[in-house]
Protein backbone atom coordinates (compact mmCIF):
# COMPACT_ATOMS: atom_id res chain seq x y z
CA UNK A 1 61.20 79.61 96.26
CA UNK A 2 61.65 83.15 97.23
CA UNK A 3 60.85 85.38 94.98
CA UNK A 4 61.30 89.16 94.63
CA UNK A 5 58.85 90.88 93.07
CA UNK A 6 58.62 94.94 91.61
CA UNK A 7 55.10 95.43 90.44
CA UNK A 8 54.44 99.08 88.87
CA UNK A 9 50.61 99.93 87.64
CA UNK A 10 50.21 101.91 84.82
CA UNK A 11 48.46 105.19 84.63
CA UNK A 12 45.12 104.97 86.45
CA UNK A 13 45.34 101.56 88.31
CA UNK A 14 46.78 100.08 91.24
CA UNK A 15 49.36 98.13 91.98
CA UNK A 16 48.34 96.26 95.02
CA UNK A 17 45.85 93.22 94.86
CA UNK A 18 44.24 94.50 98.24
CA UNK A 19 42.15 96.91 96.28
CA UNK A 20 40.10 95.60 93.40
CA UNK A 21 38.09 98.65 92.84
CA UNK A 22 40.73 100.19 90.44
CA UNK A 23 40.96 104.12 89.92
CA UNK A 24 39.15 105.33 86.29
CA UNK A 25 41.05 104.65 83.63
CA UNK A 26 41.71 108.38 81.40
CA UNK A 27 43.41 107.52 77.89
CA UNK A 28 43.76 111.10 77.25
CA UNK A 29 45.97 111.72 79.88
CA UNK A 30 48.99 113.47 79.22
CA UNK A 31 50.26 113.51 82.75
CA UNK A 32 53.61 111.89 83.21
CA UNK A 33 54.74 109.21 85.60
CA UNK A 34 57.86 109.68 87.39
CA UNK A 35 57.51 106.47 89.13
CA UNK A 36 57.52 104.62 85.50
CA UNK A 37 60.24 106.39 84.75
CA UNK A 38 62.22 106.25 87.96
CA UNK A 39 61.07 102.38 87.76
CA UNK A 40 63.54 102.40 84.38
CA UNK A 41 66.21 104.90 85.58
CA UNK A 42 67.45 102.77 88.57
CA UNK A 43 68.50 100.45 86.79
CA UNK A 44 71.05 102.41 84.79
CA UNK A 45 71.78 104.42 88.09
CA UNK A 46 73.03 100.96 89.72
CA UNK A 47 75.08 100.36 86.47
CA UNK A 48 76.70 104.26 86.99
CA UNK A 49 77.57 103.32 90.41
CA UNK A 50 79.08 100.14 89.26
CA UNK A 51 80.80 101.35 86.18
CA UNK A 52 82.25 104.09 88.61
CA UNK A 53 83.59 101.56 90.72
CA UNK A 54 85.01 99.83 87.69
CA UNK A 55 86.60 102.59 86.15
CA UNK A 56 88.11 103.49 90.13
CA UNK A 57 89.65 100.26 90.39
CA UNK A 58 90.59 100.13 86.40
CA UNK A 59 92.93 103.53 86.83
CA UNK A 60 94.25 102.78 90.17
CA UNK A 61 95.24 99.71 88.39
CA UNK A 62 97.31 101.42 85.76
CA UNK A 63 100.97 101.10 85.28
CA UNK A 64 103.76 101.48 83.16
CA UNK A 65 104.06 97.58 82.36
CA UNK A 66 100.72 97.71 81.27
CA UNK A 67 99.88 101.35 80.11
CA UNK A 68 97.96 100.75 76.97
CA UNK A 69 96.01 98.20 77.59
CA UNK A 70 95.00 99.56 81.19
CA UNK A 71 94.02 103.07 79.01
CA UNK A 72 91.30 101.04 76.89
CA UNK A 73 89.99 99.48 80.13
CA UNK A 74 89.55 102.68 81.35
CA UNK A 75 87.92 104.29 77.68
CA UNK A 76 85.45 101.63 78.18
CA UNK A 77 84.46 102.15 81.51
CA UNK A 78 84.13 105.45 81.54
CA UNK A 79 82.09 105.24 78.29
CA UNK A 80 79.61 102.54 79.78
CA UNK A 81 79.55 105.34 82.96
CA UNK A 82 78.77 107.69 80.66
CA UNK A 83 76.49 106.47 78.89
CA UNK A 84 74.15 105.09 82.31
CA UNK A 85 74.83 108.66 83.74
CA UNK A 86 73.33 110.19 80.68
CA UNK A 87 70.44 107.96 80.77
CA UNK A 88 69.79 108.91 84.09
CA UNK A 89 70.28 112.23 83.35
CA UNK A 90 67.68 112.36 80.70
CA UNK A 91 65.25 110.04 83.14
CA UNK A 92 65.37 113.00 85.28
CA UNK A 93 64.83 115.68 83.18
CA UNK A 94 61.27 113.70 81.82
CA UNK A 95 60.55 113.42 85.55
CA UNK A 96 61.27 117.31 85.44
CA UNK A 97 64.63 117.66 87.45
CA UNK A 98 66.66 119.59 85.71
CA UNK A 99 70.76 119.77 86.95
CA UNK A 100 73.46 121.88 85.74
CA UNK A 101 75.92 118.51 84.97
CA UNK A 102 73.35 117.28 82.56
CA UNK A 103 74.78 119.10 79.32
CA UNK A 104 77.80 118.08 80.03
CA UNK A 105 77.32 114.12 80.90
CA UNK A 106 75.61 114.68 77.18
CA UNK A 107 78.71 115.91 75.87
CA UNK A 108 81.60 113.24 77.36
CA UNK A 109 78.71 110.47 76.59
CA UNK A 110 79.28 111.96 72.76
CA UNK A 111 82.60 112.65 72.54
CA UNK A 112 83.81 109.08 73.50
CA UNK A 113 80.59 107.24 71.65
CA UNK A 114 80.17 109.15 68.37
CA UNK A 115 83.12 111.68 67.87
CA UNK A 116 85.78 108.74 69.09
CA UNK A 117 84.20 105.73 67.65
CA UNK A 118 81.60 106.31 64.57
CA UNK A 119 81.76 110.01 63.39
CA UNK A 120 85.69 109.95 63.60
CA UNK A 121 85.73 112.64 60.37
CA UNK A 122 82.47 114.31 60.98
CA UNK A 123 83.50 117.35 60.92
CA UNK A 124 80.54 119.41 59.55
CA UNK A 125 78.20 118.50 62.25
CA UNK A 126 76.88 121.32 64.34
CA UNK A 127 76.57 119.56 67.39
CA UNK A 128 79.73 118.39 67.26
CA UNK A 129 80.96 121.69 67.13
CA UNK A 130 79.47 123.18 69.54
CA UNK A 131 80.65 119.99 71.80
CA UNK A 132 83.99 120.45 70.66
CA UNK A 133 83.59 123.97 71.91
CA UNK A 134 82.02 123.32 75.25
CA UNK A 135 84.53 120.28 75.99
CA UNK A 136 87.23 122.82 75.29
CA UNK A 137 88.64 120.15 72.55
CA UNK A 138 91.82 120.68 70.58
CA UNK A 139 90.21 120.50 67.05
CA UNK A 140 93.28 119.09 65.84
CA UNK A 141 93.00 115.58 67.85
CA UNK A 142 90.39 113.19 67.66
CA UNK A 143 90.79 112.49 70.98
CA UNK A 144 92.14 113.71 74.09
CA UNK A 145 91.48 112.02 77.66
CA UNK A 146 93.09 111.23 80.15
CA UNK A 147 92.60 109.36 83.26
CA UNK A 148 92.86 110.20 87.15
CA UNK A 149 91.92 108.33 90.05
CA UNK A 150 90.29 112.09 91.10
CA UNK A 151 89.69 113.40 87.82
CA UNK A 152 88.73 112.26 84.24
CA UNK A 153 90.30 115.05 81.66
CA UNK A 154 88.13 115.45 78.33
CA UNK A 155 89.98 117.77 76.27
CA UNK A 156 90.38 120.91 78.75
CA UNK A 157 87.22 119.82 80.79
CA UNK A 158 87.89 118.00 84.69
CA UNK A 159 85.18 116.16 85.09
CA UNK A 160 85.57 115.53 88.87
CA UNK A 161 84.83 111.62 90.19
CA UNK A 162 83.22 113.82 93.32
CA UNK A 163 80.92 115.64 90.61
CA UNK A 164 79.90 112.18 89.52
CA UNK A 165 79.18 110.74 93.12
CA UNK A 166 77.49 114.07 94.42
CA UNK A 167 75.21 113.87 91.14
CA UNK A 168 74.14 109.96 91.59
CA UNK A 169 73.72 110.94 95.20
CA UNK A 170 71.21 113.92 93.84
CA UNK A 171 69.50 111.59 91.64
CA UNK A 172 69.47 108.79 94.18
CA UNK A 173 67.38 111.25 96.69
CA UNK A 174 64.86 112.31 94.11
CA UNK A 175 64.29 108.72 93.00
CA UNK A 176 63.79 107.77 96.48
CA UNK A 177 61.16 110.47 96.71
CA UNK A 178 59.44 109.58 93.55
CA UNK A 179 58.95 106.01 94.46
CA UNK A 180 57.71 106.63 98.57
CA UNK A 181 55.08 108.88 97.11
CA UNK A 182 53.87 106.54 94.24
CA UNK A 183 53.46 104.16 96.79
CA UNK A 184 52.01 105.76 99.24
CA UNK A 185 49.28 106.74 96.13
CA UNK A 186 49.15 102.98 95.57
CA UNK A 187 51.13 103.05 92.43
CA UNK A 188 53.72 100.64 93.65
CA UNK A 189 53.66 97.69 96.14
CA UNK A 190 56.54 96.68 97.26
């Protein structure tokens, strides 16, 4: 039976079985290990790509006969999409890569997952108030989201599908470089 294995070495060790001599392990090292973060981020990266396709399918099937159910499906898909994209953004930041879209992903995620869901009437939260301003939300509305084939609109903020695709390409390029570098250093054995 064929097996597919992913091995990621801990700090100071090699993932290859060829090298019996291990690197000296330095326990007090504060150095970040981008390959470890990337290995986890890949899960959410692939999730975001899948969710983007699922959203595009759901929005393309919206019609007058089933608009209510269709919008529920779209809301679910973008909720999962922004959860995954925001998680990737957090890992990219931990690896030292910042992107101007990171705040937008966080705001979209938090509006859908918190403002709309569990913090319905929590209006005294300064983070929520800042989010309302950044997303240009109408403070009289609890939710203001519209779904389009090319654009998701949250409040007065248009999020283009192409922005999400370009962002995922940006992260893919970074993660690819991180993993190649880690493989060359012996941290990853593919």
